[in-house]
């Protein structure tokens, strides 16, 4: 159940606590995943569903989006769907369309829930595992969850008129709940409509959401399963809050934040976001750093680039394309800002 009530841009911002370097790197998205067909955006204050026969993919190396036309029995144009990529297949479930909320499987029973359902991709059937013990989370909506190994973690969400910041864990082998996990030290404030992304075997990345006082959030946190503590990232862009967005992990530990809204959807919605925020959660490999350096300085290197091993050239050329596009965007943004300043004066 959703929380009650109701492009494209890049930037470089942010470092994290000294224990783990983080930054916000320009425009990247894993080419193995894309924006599911359909979705919703605001056009001239009207909510419009995006085409359900399009699938968009973003390639990390070149920084380019490509649109793939879908065929076959297409999903209904919806917003608020959830999806998962398993063994090369993208599974999409539920969402909101012109007829209301749907699970595309049968009748919906409204209410706040804390039950668990699973889909077997081999038999193509749903089942409800028998919970064998522990204290489950309170029934809630607009929470987020993530899987690390054989455990599923649930954080926050809305419980009636209150938003939560509790963390729970379900053992997927024994089907036993942990109860509310006692956290040592500082922890994120209560929220809903946020995301929780696995970034390592023992770490989860939390971003954004809507607070209990209806403030859109732009804070980022990393939870360590090993130390059982949260660590807040610093120097994040305060002007880019996100809620109702999506997030996924890239090939080198980047977390991509795309879409969603920057407003409190209960009272205001000035348009859905189309920019892409990228958080670097671990140091890049030496190869990645070298490729970026070449891409940024292609004009200085000139013909020396073609002295590189031939098997590296495709990667290098993609990086050159990426950084040329990034520089072009910056120039256009600076030009637009300059014109706006002239108009003001």
Protein backbone atom coordinates (compact mmCIF):
# COMPACT_ATOMS: atom_id res chain seq x y z
CA UNK A 1 0.00 0.00 0.00
CA UNK A 2 1.44 3.44 -0.90
CA UNK A 3 2.04 6.23 1.59
CA UNK A 4 -1.31 7.96 2.07
CA UNK A 5 -1.96 11.26 0.38
CA UNK A 6 -0.61 11.09 -2.35
CA UNK A 7 15.20 14.02 -18.44
CA UNK A 8 18.29 13.92 -17.21
CA UNK A 9 20.94 15.89 -15.35
CA UNK A 10 24.23 15.10 -13.70
CA UNK A 11 26.47 16.64 -11.08
CA UNK A 12 29.56 16.08 -9.00
CA UNK A 13 29.16 16.59 -5.29
CA UNK A 14 29.93 15.07 -2.01
CA UNK A 15 32.40 13.15 0.02
CA UNK A 16 31.67 10.71 2.77
CA UNK A 17 33.19 10.09 6.18
CA UNK A 18 36.94 9.53 6.07
CA UNK A 19 36.60 5.81 6.73
CA UNK A 20 35.05 5.22 3.31
CA UNK A 21 35.55 7.66 0.41
CA UNK A 22 32.40 8.59 -1.48
CA UNK A 23 31.54 11.11 -4.12
CA UNK A 24 28.83 11.94 -6.60
CA UNK A 25 30.08 11.11 -10.08
CA UNK A 26 28.48 12.36 -13.30
CA UNK A 27 25.73 10.54 -15.10
CA UNK A 28 26.16 6.77 -15.04
CA UNK A 29 23.72 3.88 -15.12
CA UNK A 30 24.34 0.14 -15.43
CA UNK A 31 23.78 -0.99 -19.00
CA UNK A 32 22.35 -4.30 -17.76
CA UNK A 33 19.35 -2.50 -16.29
CA UNK A 34 17.02 0.17 -17.52
CA UNK A 35 13.89 2.14 -16.72
CA UNK A 36 10.94 -0.26 -16.94
CA UNK A 37 8.33 0.47 -19.56
CA UNK A 38 5.62 2.92 -18.53
CA UNK A 39 5.91 5.32 -15.60
CA UNK A 40 4.47 8.74 -14.92
CA UNK A 41 5.49 12.37 -15.30
CA UNK A 42 3.94 15.81 -15.01
CA UNK A 43 3.34 17.72 -18.23
CA UNK A 44 1.75 21.15 -17.85
CA UNK A 45 0.43 20.16 -14.39
CA UNK A 46 -1.20 16.99 -15.79
CA UNK A 47 -0.14 13.50 -14.77
CA UNK A 48 0.76 11.57 -17.93
CA UNK A 49 1.73 7.91 -18.19
CA UNK A 50 4.86 7.28 -20.23
CA UNK A 51 4.73 4.80 -23.14
CA UNK A 52 4.54 1.18 -22.04
CA UNK A 53 6.36 -0.11 -25.13
CA UNK A 54 9.68 1.59 -24.34
CA UNK A 55 12.61 0.34 -22.30
CA UNK A 56 15.49 2.75 -21.69
CA UNK A 57 19.04 1.60 -20.96
CA UNK A 58 22.02 3.67 -19.88
CA UNK A 59 25.58 2.63 -20.74
CA UNK A 60 28.17 3.51 -18.13
CA UNK A 61 31.17 3.77 -20.45
CA UNK A 62 29.69 6.16 -23.02
CA UNK A 63 27.14 7.99 -20.88
CA UNK A 64 24.46 7.47 -23.53
CA UNK A 65 20.80 6.47 -23.17
CA UNK A 66 19.23 4.14 -25.73
CA UNK A 67 15.55 3.36 -26.20
CA UNK A 68 14.44 -0.18 -27.05
CA UNK A 69 11.00 -0.78 -28.53
CA UNK A 70 9.14 -3.57 -26.77
CA UNK A 71 6.93 -6.13 -28.51
CA UNK A 72 4.64 -8.94 -27.38
CA UNK A 73 2.05 -8.70 -24.61
CA UNK A 74 2.93 -5.35 -23.05
CA UNK A 75 2.36 -4.40 -19.40
CA UNK A 76 -0.29 -1.77 -18.75
CA UNK A 77 1.04 1.80 -18.53
CA UNK A 78 1.46 2.29 -14.78
CA UNK A 79 3.41 4.19 -12.16
CA UNK A 80 4.67 2.93 -8.83
CA UNK A 81 5.48 -0.56 -10.12
CA UNK A 82 8.32 -2.53 -8.58
CA UNK A 83 10.79 -4.64 -10.51
CA UNK A 84 13.76 -6.96 -10.20
CA UNK A 85 16.31 -8.29 -12.66
CA UNK A 86 16.98 -12.02 -12.18
CA UNK A 87 19.15 -14.15 -14.47
CA UNK A 88 18.82 -11.73 -17.36
CA UNK A 89 15.06 -11.28 -17.02
CA UNK A 90 13.23 -8.19 -15.78
CA UNK A 91 10.18 -8.89 -13.59
CA UNK A 92 7.65 -6.09 -13.05
CA UNK A 93 4.87 -6.27 -10.47
CA UNK A 94 1.82 -4.16 -9.69
CA UNK A 95 1.47 -0.40 -9.90
CA UNK A 96 -1.15 2.29 -10.42
CA UNK A 97 -3.04 2.83 -13.66
CA UNK A 98 -6.19 4.64 -14.77
CA UNK A 99 -8.32 2.02 -13.01
CA UNK A 100 -6.50 2.29 -9.68
CA UNK A 101 -3.97 0.11 -7.88
CA UNK A 102 -3.38 -3.35 -9.22
CA UNK A 103 -1.33 -6.47 -8.55
CA UNK A 104 -2.30 -7.95 -11.93
CA UNK A 105 -3.04 -11.19 -10.15
CA UNK A 106 -6.53 -10.74 -8.75
CA UNK A 107 -8.53 -8.77 -6.21
CA UNK A 108 -6.73 -6.25 -3.98
CA UNK A 109 -7.48 -6.15 -0.27
CA UNK A 110 -6.83 -2.67 1.07
CA UNK A 111 -5.14 -2.17 4.39
CA UNK A 112 -1.79 -2.06 6.12
CA UNK A 113 0.15 -5.30 5.84
CA UNK A 114 3.22 -7.03 7.25
CA UNK A 115 2.84 -10.39 5.54
CA UNK A 116 5.48 -11.88 3.23
CA UNK A 117 4.94 -13.17 -0.31
CA UNK A 118 7.49 -14.67 -2.69
CA UNK A 119 7.52 -15.42 -6.41
CA UNK A 120 9.23 -18.58 -7.67
CA UNK A 121 10.77 -17.70 -11.06
CA UNK A 122 11.19 -21.39 -11.93
CA UNK A 123 7.58 -22.45 -11.40
CA UNK A 124 6.16 -18.97 -12.16
CA UNK A 125 4.00 -19.14 -9.04
CA UNK A 126 3.47 -17.05 -5.91
CA UNK A 127 3.62 -18.54 -2.43
CA UNK A 128 3.35 -17.21 1.11
CA UNK A 129 6.08 -18.66 3.34
CA UNK A 130 5.12 -19.65 6.86
CA UNK A 131 6.84 -17.29 9.31
CA UNK A 132 8.28 -19.50 12.05
CA UNK A 133 9.12 -17.01 14.73
CA UNK A 134 10.44 -13.64 15.80
CA UNK A 135 8.68 -10.30 15.98
CA UNK A 136 7.64 -8.96 12.54
CA UNK A 137 7.59 -5.24 11.68
CA UNK A 138 4.35 -3.39 12.28
CA UNK A 139 2.05 -3.34 9.22
CA UNK A 140 3.23 -0.43 7.08
CA UNK A 141 3.39 1.25 3.67
CA UNK A 142 6.03 3.04 1.56
CA UNK A 143 8.90 1.26 3.31
CA UNK A 144 11.93 -0.13 1.52
CA UNK A 145 13.71 -3.46 1.55
CA UNK A 146 16.95 -5.04 0.36
CA UNK A 147 18.50 -8.50 0.35
CA UNK A 148 22.01 -9.28 1.60
CA UNK A 149 22.92 -12.95 1.31
CA UNK A 150 20.16 -14.99 2.94
CA UNK A 151 18.60 -12.07 4.81
CA UNK A 152 16.03 -9.47 3.83
CA UNK A 153 16.17 -6.05 5.49
CA UNK A 154 13.22 -3.66 5.90
CA UNK A 155 13.67 -0.01 6.87
CA UNK A 156 11.19 2.71 7.76
CA UNK A 157 7.92 3.42 6.03
CA UNK A 158 4.58 4.73 7.22
CA UNK A 159 2.61 3.17 10.08
CA UNK A 160 -0.81 4.83 10.17
CA UNK A 161 -0.03 8.53 10.73
CA UNK A 162 3.59 8.00 11.77
CA UNK A 163 6.74 7.45 9.73
CA UNK A 164 9.37 5.08 11.07
CA UNK A 165 13.15 4.67 11.12
CA UNK A 166 13.30 1.11 12.43
CA UNK A 167 15.37 -1.65 10.83
CA UNK A 168 14.19 -5.29 10.72
CA UNK A 169 15.71 -8.45 9.27
CA UNK A 170 14.06 -11.63 7.97
CA UNK A 171 16.15 -14.80 7.67
CA UNK A 172 15.16 -16.22 4.28
CA UNK A 173 16.28 -19.74 5.21
CA UNK A 174 14.52 -20.09 8.56
CA UNK A 175 11.76 -17.48 7.93
CA UNK A 176 12.32 -15.95 11.36
CA UNK A 177 12.11 -12.19 11.99
CA UNK A 178 14.82 -10.46 14.00
CA UNK A 179 12.51 -7.98 15.68
CA UNK A 180 13.54 -4.35 15.73
CA UNK A 181 17.34 -4.22 15.44
CA UNK A 182 18.98 -2.13 18.15
CA UNK A 183 21.32 0.32 16.45
CA UNK A 184 24.46 1.68 18.06
CA UNK A 185 25.16 5.39 17.54
CA UNK A 186 23.53 7.90 15.21
CA UNK A 187 20.82 6.75 12.80
CA UNK A 188 18.65 8.22 10.02
CA UNK A 189 15.46 10.06 10.87
CA UNK A 190 12.07 8.50 10.20
CA UNK A 191 10.90 8.49 6.58
CA UNK A 192 8.89 6.88 3.79
CA UNK A 193 9.30 6.71 -0.01
CA UNK A 194 13.08 6.21 0.32
CA UNK A 195 15.42 3.58 -1.16
CA UNK A 196 17.75 0.99 0.39
CA UNK A 197 20.43 -0.49 -1.88
CA UNK A 198 22.93 -3.31 -1.15
CA UNK A 199 26.44 -2.04 -1.97
CA UNK A 200 28.62 -4.80 -0.47
CA UNK A 201 28.28 -8.14 1.29
CA UNK A 202 27.66 -6.33 4.57
CA UNK A 203 26.56 -2.79 3.66
CA UNK A 204 23.31 -1.02 2.71
CA UNK A 205 22.94 2.47 1.20
CA UNK A 206 19.92 4.56 2.26
CA UNK A 207 18.88 7.69 0.38
CA UNK A 208 16.14 10.29 0.46
CA UNK A 209 12.46 9.92 1.28
CA UNK A 210 9.86 12.05 3.06
CA UNK A 211 10.20 12.82 6.76
CA UNK A 212 7.47 12.82 9.43
CA UNK A 213 7.17 16.59 9.11
CA UNK A 214 6.65 16.22 5.34
CA UNK A 215 10.09 17.47 4.33
CA UNK A 216 11.68 15.88 1.23
CA UNK A 217 15.06 14.46 2.24
CA UNK A 218 18.45 14.51 0.49
CA UNK A 219 20.56 12.70 3.08
CA UNK A 220 22.48 9.49 2.44
CA UNK A 221 23.52 6.83 4.95
CA UNK A 222 25.47 3.57 4.93
CA UNK A 223 24.56 0.78 7.32
CA UNK A 224 27.19 -1.80 8.23
CA UNK A 225 25.80 -5.21 9.15
CA UNK A 226 29.17 -6.06 10.73
CA UNK A 227 29.28 -3.10 13.14
CA UNK A 228 25.49 -2.69 13.35
CA UNK A 229 25.83 1.07 12.88
CA UNK A 230 24.81 3.84 10.47
CA UNK A 231 27.25 6.36 9.01
CA UNK A 232 25.93 9.53 7.38
CA UNK A 233 27.49 10.84 4.19
CA UNK A 234 28.64 14.45 4.23
CA UNK A 235 28.63 17.25 1.65
CA UNK A 236 25.67 15.83 -0.26
CA UNK A 237 23.69 18.19 -2.52
CA UNK A 238 20.96 19.68 -0.30
CA UNK A 239 19.18 21.10 -3.35
CA UNK A 240 18.35 17.66 -4.79
CA UNK A 241 16.02 15.83 -2.41
CA UNK A 242 14.32 12.73 -3.75
CA UNK A 243 11.34 10.63 -2.83
CA UNK A 244 9.45 7.96 -4.78
CA UNK A 245 12.63 7.45 -6.80
CA UNK A 246 14.44 4.28 -7.87
CA UNK A 247 18.00 3.17 -7.10
CA UNK A 248 20.34 0.43 -8.27
CA UNK A 249 23.99 -0.58 -8.01
CA UNK A 250 26.51 -0.08 -10.81
CA UNK A 251 29.50 -2.14 -11.83
CA UNK A 252 31.99 -0.43 -9.52
CA UNK A 253 29.93 0.30 -6.43
CA UNK A 254 28.08 3.34 -7.75
CA UNK A 255 24.50 3.85 -6.60
CA UNK A 256 22.30 5.39 -9.29
CA UNK A 257 19.31 7.47 -8.16
CA UNK A 258 16.81 8.21 -10.93
CA UNK A 259 13.35 9.75 -11.24
CA UNK A 260 10.93 10.37 -8.41
CA UNK A 261 9.92 13.77 -7.09
CA UNK A 262 11.61 16.57 -5.15
CA UNK A 263 8.37 17.75 -3.53
CA UNK A 264 6.05 16.67 -0.76
CA UNK A 265 3.50 14.88 -2.92
CA UNK A 266 0.75 15.45 -0.34
CA UNK A 267 0.62 19.19 -1.02
CA UNK A 268 2.83 20.02 -4.00
CA UNK A 269 4.21 18.42 -7.13
CA UNK A 270 6.03 20.75 -9.49
CA UNK A 271 7.09 17.91 -11.73
CA UNK A 272 8.88 14.59 -11.54
CA UNK A 273 12.68 14.54 -11.71
CA UNK A 274 14.58 13.34 -14.77
CA UNK A 275 18.14 13.89 -13.54
CA UNK A 276 20.43 11.07 -12.52
CA UNK A 277 22.38 11.25 -9.24
CA UNK A 278 25.34 8.91 -8.82
CA UNK A 279 26.98 8.15 -5.49
CA UNK A 280 30.40 6.50 -5.48
CA UNK A 281 30.49 4.15 -2.49
CA UNK A 282 33.99 2.71 -2.96
CA UNK A 283 37.26 3.77 -4.65
CA UNK A 284 37.32 3.20 -8.39
CA UNK A 285 39.69 0.66 -9.92
CA UNK A 286 43.01 1.86 -11.37
CA UNK A 287 41.77 1.00 -14.88
CA UNK A 288 38.65 3.11 -14.38
CA UNK A 289 40.68 6.07 -13.12
CA UNK A 290 43.08 5.83 -16.08
CA UNK A 291 40.24 5.66 -18.60
CA UNK A 292 38.57 8.71 -17.04
CA UNK A 293 41.86 10.61 -17.11
CA UNK A 294 42.32 9.85 -20.81
CA UNK A 295 38.72 10.75 -21.57
CA UNK A 296 38.98 14.11 -19.80
CA UNK A 297 42.25 15.02 -21.52
CA UNK A 298 41.65 13.64 -25.00
CA UNK A 299 42.33 16.98 -26.70
CA UNK A 300 45.75 17.23 -25.05
CA UNK A 301 46.73 13.64 -25.81
CA UNK A 302 45.81 13.86 -29.49
CA UNK A 303 47.15 11.03 -31.65
CA UNK A 304 48.94 9.46 -28.67
CA UNK A 305 45.64 7.80 -27.79
CA UNK A 306 46.03 5.43 -30.75
CA UNK A 307 49.33 4.18 -29.32
CA UNK A 308 47.35 2.37 -26.62
CA UNK A 309 46.72 -1.39 -26.92
CA UNK A 310 44.03 -2.01 -29.53
CA UNK A 311 41.82 -3.94 -27.10
CA UNK A 312 41.58 -0.82 -24.90
CA UNK A 313 40.56 1.58 -27.67
CA UNK A 314 36.80 0.83 -27.60
CA UNK A 315 36.69 1.63 -23.85
CA UNK A 316 38.80 4.75 -24.35
CA UNK A 317 36.63 6.04 -27.18
CA UNK A 318 33.50 5.56 -25.06
CA UNK A 319 35.11 7.55 -22.24
CA UNK A 320 36.03 10.32 -24.66
CA UNK A 321 32.40 10.43 -25.81
CA UNK A 322 31.18 10.52 -22.24
CA UNK A 323 33.40 13.38 -21.10
CA UNK A 324 32.79 15.37 -24.29
CA UNK A 325 29.05 15.12 -23.63
CA UNK A 326 29.54 16.05 -19.96
CA UNK A 327 31.57 19.12 -20.87
CA UNK A 328 28.99 20.12 -23.48
CA UNK A 329 26.23 19.95 -20.87
CA UNK A 330 28.24 22.11 -18.46
CA UNK A 331 28.83 24.71 -21.17
CA UNK A 332 25.13 24.81 -22.03
CA UNK A 333 24.18 25.14 -18.35
CA UNK A 334 26.70 27.97 -17.87
CA UNK A 335 25.36 29.68 -20.99
CA UNK A 336 21.77 29.39 -19.75
CA UNK A 337 22.71 30.72 -16.31
CA UNK A 338 24.54 33.64 -17.94
CA UNK A 339 21.48 34.57 -19.99
CA UNK A 340 19.29 34.39 -16.91
CA UNK A 341 21.64 36.72 -15.01
CA UNK A 342 21.56 39.20 -17.91
CA UNK A 343 17.76 39.14 -17.95
CA UNK A 344 17.62 39.77 -14.20
CA UNK A 345 19.96 42.78 -14.39
